[in-house]
Amino acid sequence: MIIKKFYGVHPNGENLIKTYSNQNLYIKKVGTNQIYSEAIDVESNDCDYLETEEPIVEN
């Protein structure tokens, strides 16, 4: 499941939102080919993400 949590405040005053998978899977930004283990966006950006089927492998 995709989780979105408050992460902090950007120097410009906007809230930062951390998005990640609680299943330890990579996430993909909707409408792009961008893949992340986690994403941090300004709240006003309101990006959508989907879980992939690829597990995050830690080195």
N, C-alpha and C. Protein backbone atom coordinates (compact mmCIF):
# COMPACT_ATOMS: atom_id res chain seq x y z
N MET A 1 0.85 -1.17 0.00
CA MET A 1 0.00 0.00 0.00
C MET A 1 0.89 1.24 0.00
N ILE A 2 0.46 2.25 -0.71
CA ILE A 2 1.18 3.53 -0.74
C ILE A 2 0.86 4.30 0.54
N ILE A 3 1.92 4.79 1.18
CA ILE A 3 1.79 5.58 2.41
C ILE A 3 2.29 6.99 2.13
N LYS A 4 1.53 7.98 2.57
CA LYS A 4 1.95 9.39 2.49
C LYS A 4 1.97 9.96 3.90
N LYS A 5 3.13 10.55 4.27
CA LYS A 5 3.27 11.12 5.62
C LYS A 5 3.95 12.49 5.54
N PHE A 6 3.61 13.33 6.49
CA PHE A 6 4.29 14.61 6.63
C PHE A 6 5.77 14.35 6.88
N TYR A 7 6.65 15.05 6.16
CA TYR A 7 8.09 14.84 6.27
C TYR A 7 8.81 16.02 6.92
N GLY A 8 8.31 17.21 6.68
CA GLY A 8 8.95 18.41 7.21
C GLY A 8 8.44 19.63 6.47
N VAL A 9 9.17 20.73 6.64
CA VAL A 9 8.77 21.98 5.98
C VAL A 9 9.93 22.45 5.10
N HIS A 10 9.62 22.73 3.86
CA HIS A 10 10.58 23.26 2.89
C HIS A 10 10.95 24.68 3.33
N PRO A 11 12.16 25.15 3.01
CA PRO A 11 12.54 26.53 3.38
C PRO A 11 11.55 27.60 2.89
N ASN A 12 10.79 27.30 1.81
CA ASN A 12 9.81 28.28 1.32
C ASN A 12 8.51 28.24 2.11
N GLY A 13 8.44 27.36 3.13
CA GLY A 13 7.27 27.30 3.99
C GLY A 13 6.26 26.22 3.64
N GLU A 14 6.43 25.57 2.49
CA GLU A 14 5.49 24.52 2.10
C GLU A 14 5.78 23.22 2.83
N ASN A 15 4.72 22.47 3.13
CA ASN A 15 4.89 21.16 3.75
C ASN A 15 5.49 20.17 2.75
N LEU A 16 6.36 19.28 3.24
CA LEU A 16 6.92 18.22 2.43
C LEU A 16 6.23 16.91 2.80
N ILE A 17 5.90 16.12 1.79
CA ILE A 17 5.20 14.85 1.98
C ILE A 17 6.10 13.72 1.47
N LYS A 18 6.31 12.72 2.32
CA LYS A 18 7.09 11.54 1.96
C LYS A 18 6.11 10.45 1.52
N THR A 19 6.38 9.84 0.36
CA THR A 19 5.54 8.77 -0.18
C THR A 19 6.40 7.53 -0.34
N TYR A 20 5.87 6.38 0.12
CA TYR A 20 6.61 5.12 0.02
C TYR A 20 5.65 3.95 0.10
N SER A 21 6.18 2.75 -0.16
CA SER A 21 5.39 1.53 -0.07
C SER A 21 5.62 0.87 1.28
N ASN A 22 4.57 0.46 1.95
CA ASN A 22 4.73 -0.25 3.21
C ASN A 22 5.05 -1.74 2.98
N GLN A 23 5.13 -2.15 1.73
CA GLN A 23 5.47 -3.53 1.37
C GLN A 23 6.92 -3.63 0.89
N ASN A 24 7.71 -2.55 1.06
CA ASN A 24 9.11 -2.49 0.63
C ASN A 24 9.25 -2.72 -0.87
N LEU A 25 8.33 -2.11 -1.64
CA LEU A 25 8.37 -2.17 -3.10
C LEU A 25 8.70 -0.79 -3.65
N TYR A 26 9.32 -0.76 -4.84
CA TYR A 26 9.54 0.52 -5.51
C TYR A 26 8.19 1.13 -5.87
N ILE A 27 8.16 2.45 -5.97
CA ILE A 27 6.96 3.16 -6.39
C ILE A 27 7.24 3.86 -7.72
N LYS A 28 6.21 4.01 -8.53
CA LYS A 28 6.33 4.65 -9.84
C LYS A 28 5.43 5.88 -9.86
N LYS A 29 5.99 7.00 -10.30
CA LYS A 29 5.21 8.24 -10.41
C LYS A 29 4.24 8.10 -11.59
N VAL A 30 2.95 8.30 -11.33
CA VAL A 30 1.91 8.15 -12.35
C VAL A 30 2.17 9.11 -13.51
N GLY A 31 2.06 8.57 -14.73
CA GLY A 31 2.24 9.37 -15.94
C GLY A 31 3.68 9.51 -16.37
N THR A 32 4.61 8.85 -15.67
CA THR A 32 6.04 8.90 -16.02
C THR A 32 6.62 7.49 -15.93
N ASN A 33 7.90 7.38 -16.23
CA ASN A 33 8.63 6.13 -16.04
C ASN A 33 9.57 6.24 -14.85
N GLN A 34 9.37 7.24 -14.00
CA GLN A 34 10.24 7.47 -12.86
C GLN A 34 9.91 6.50 -11.73
N ILE A 35 10.96 5.79 -11.26
CA ILE A 35 10.82 4.78 -10.21
C ILE A 35 11.63 5.23 -8.99
N TYR A 36 11.04 5.09 -7.79
CA TYR A 36 11.70 5.52 -6.57
C TYR A 36 11.50 4.49 -5.45
N SER A 37 12.43 4.49 -4.51
CA SER A 37 12.22 3.71 -3.29
C SER A 37 11.33 4.52 -2.34
N GLU A 38 11.46 5.84 -2.40
CA GLU A 38 10.59 6.77 -1.69
C GLU A 38 10.66 8.10 -2.41
N ALA A 39 9.66 8.91 -2.25
CA ALA A 39 9.62 10.21 -2.89
C ALA A 39 9.24 11.27 -1.87
N ILE A 40 9.84 12.43 -2.02
CA ILE A 40 9.50 13.56 -1.15
C ILE A 40 9.12 14.73 -2.06
N ASP A 41 7.89 15.19 -1.90
CA ASP A 41 7.35 16.25 -2.75
C ASP A 41 6.76 17.35 -1.88
N VAL A 42 6.69 18.57 -2.44
CA VAL A 42 5.96 19.63 -1.74
C VAL A 42 4.47 19.29 -1.83
N GLU A 43 3.76 19.60 -0.77
CA GLU A 43 2.35 19.22 -0.67
C GLU A 43 1.51 19.77 -1.83
N SER A 44 1.82 20.95 -2.30
CA SER A 44 1.03 21.56 -3.38
C SER A 44 1.22 20.83 -4.71
N ASN A 45 2.28 20.04 -4.85
CA ASN A 45 2.54 19.29 -6.07
C ASN A 45 1.57 18.12 -6.22
N ASP A 46 1.17 17.51 -5.10
CA ASP A 46 0.19 16.42 -5.06
C ASP A 46 0.43 15.36 -6.13
N CYS A 47 1.62 14.77 -6.15
CA CYS A 47 1.97 13.72 -7.10
C CYS A 47 1.31 12.40 -6.70
N ASP A 48 0.96 11.60 -7.69
CA ASP A 48 0.38 10.28 -7.45
C ASP A 48 1.41 9.21 -7.80
N TYR A 49 1.43 8.16 -7.01
CA TYR A 49 2.37 7.05 -7.19
C TYR A 49 1.63 5.73 -7.12
N LEU A 50 2.17 4.73 -7.81
CA LEU A 50 1.67 3.38 -7.76
C LEU A 50 2.79 2.46 -7.30
N GLU A 51 2.44 1.39 -6.58
CA GLU A 51 3.44 0.40 -6.22
C GLU A 51 3.80 -0.43 -7.45
N THR A 52 5.08 -0.74 -7.59
CA THR A 52 5.49 -1.69 -8.62
C THR A 52 5.49 -3.07 -7.97
N GLU A 53 5.88 -4.07 -8.72
CA GLU A 53 6.03 -5.42 -8.16
C GLU A 53 7.47 -5.71 -7.81
N GLU A 54 8.34 -4.71 -8.00
CA GLU A 54 9.78 -4.90 -7.77
C GLU A 54 10.16 -4.56 -6.33
N PRO A 55 10.69 -5.54 -5.60
CA PRO A 55 11.10 -5.27 -4.22
C PRO A 55 12.35 -4.40 -4.15
N ILE A 56 12.44 -3.59 -3.12
CA ILE A 56 13.63 -2.77 -2.89
C ILE A 56 14.70 -3.67 -2.27
N VAL A 57 15.85 -3.74 -2.95
CA VAL A 57 16.95 -4.56 -2.46
C VAL A 57 18.02 -3.64 -1.88
N GLU A 58 18.32 -3.83 -0.60
CA GLU A 58 19.33 -3.02 0.08
C GLU A 58 20.70 -3.66 -0.11
N ASN A 59 21.70 -2.85 -0.41
CA ASN A 59 23.08 -3.37 -0.56
C ASN A 59 23.79 -3.36 0.76
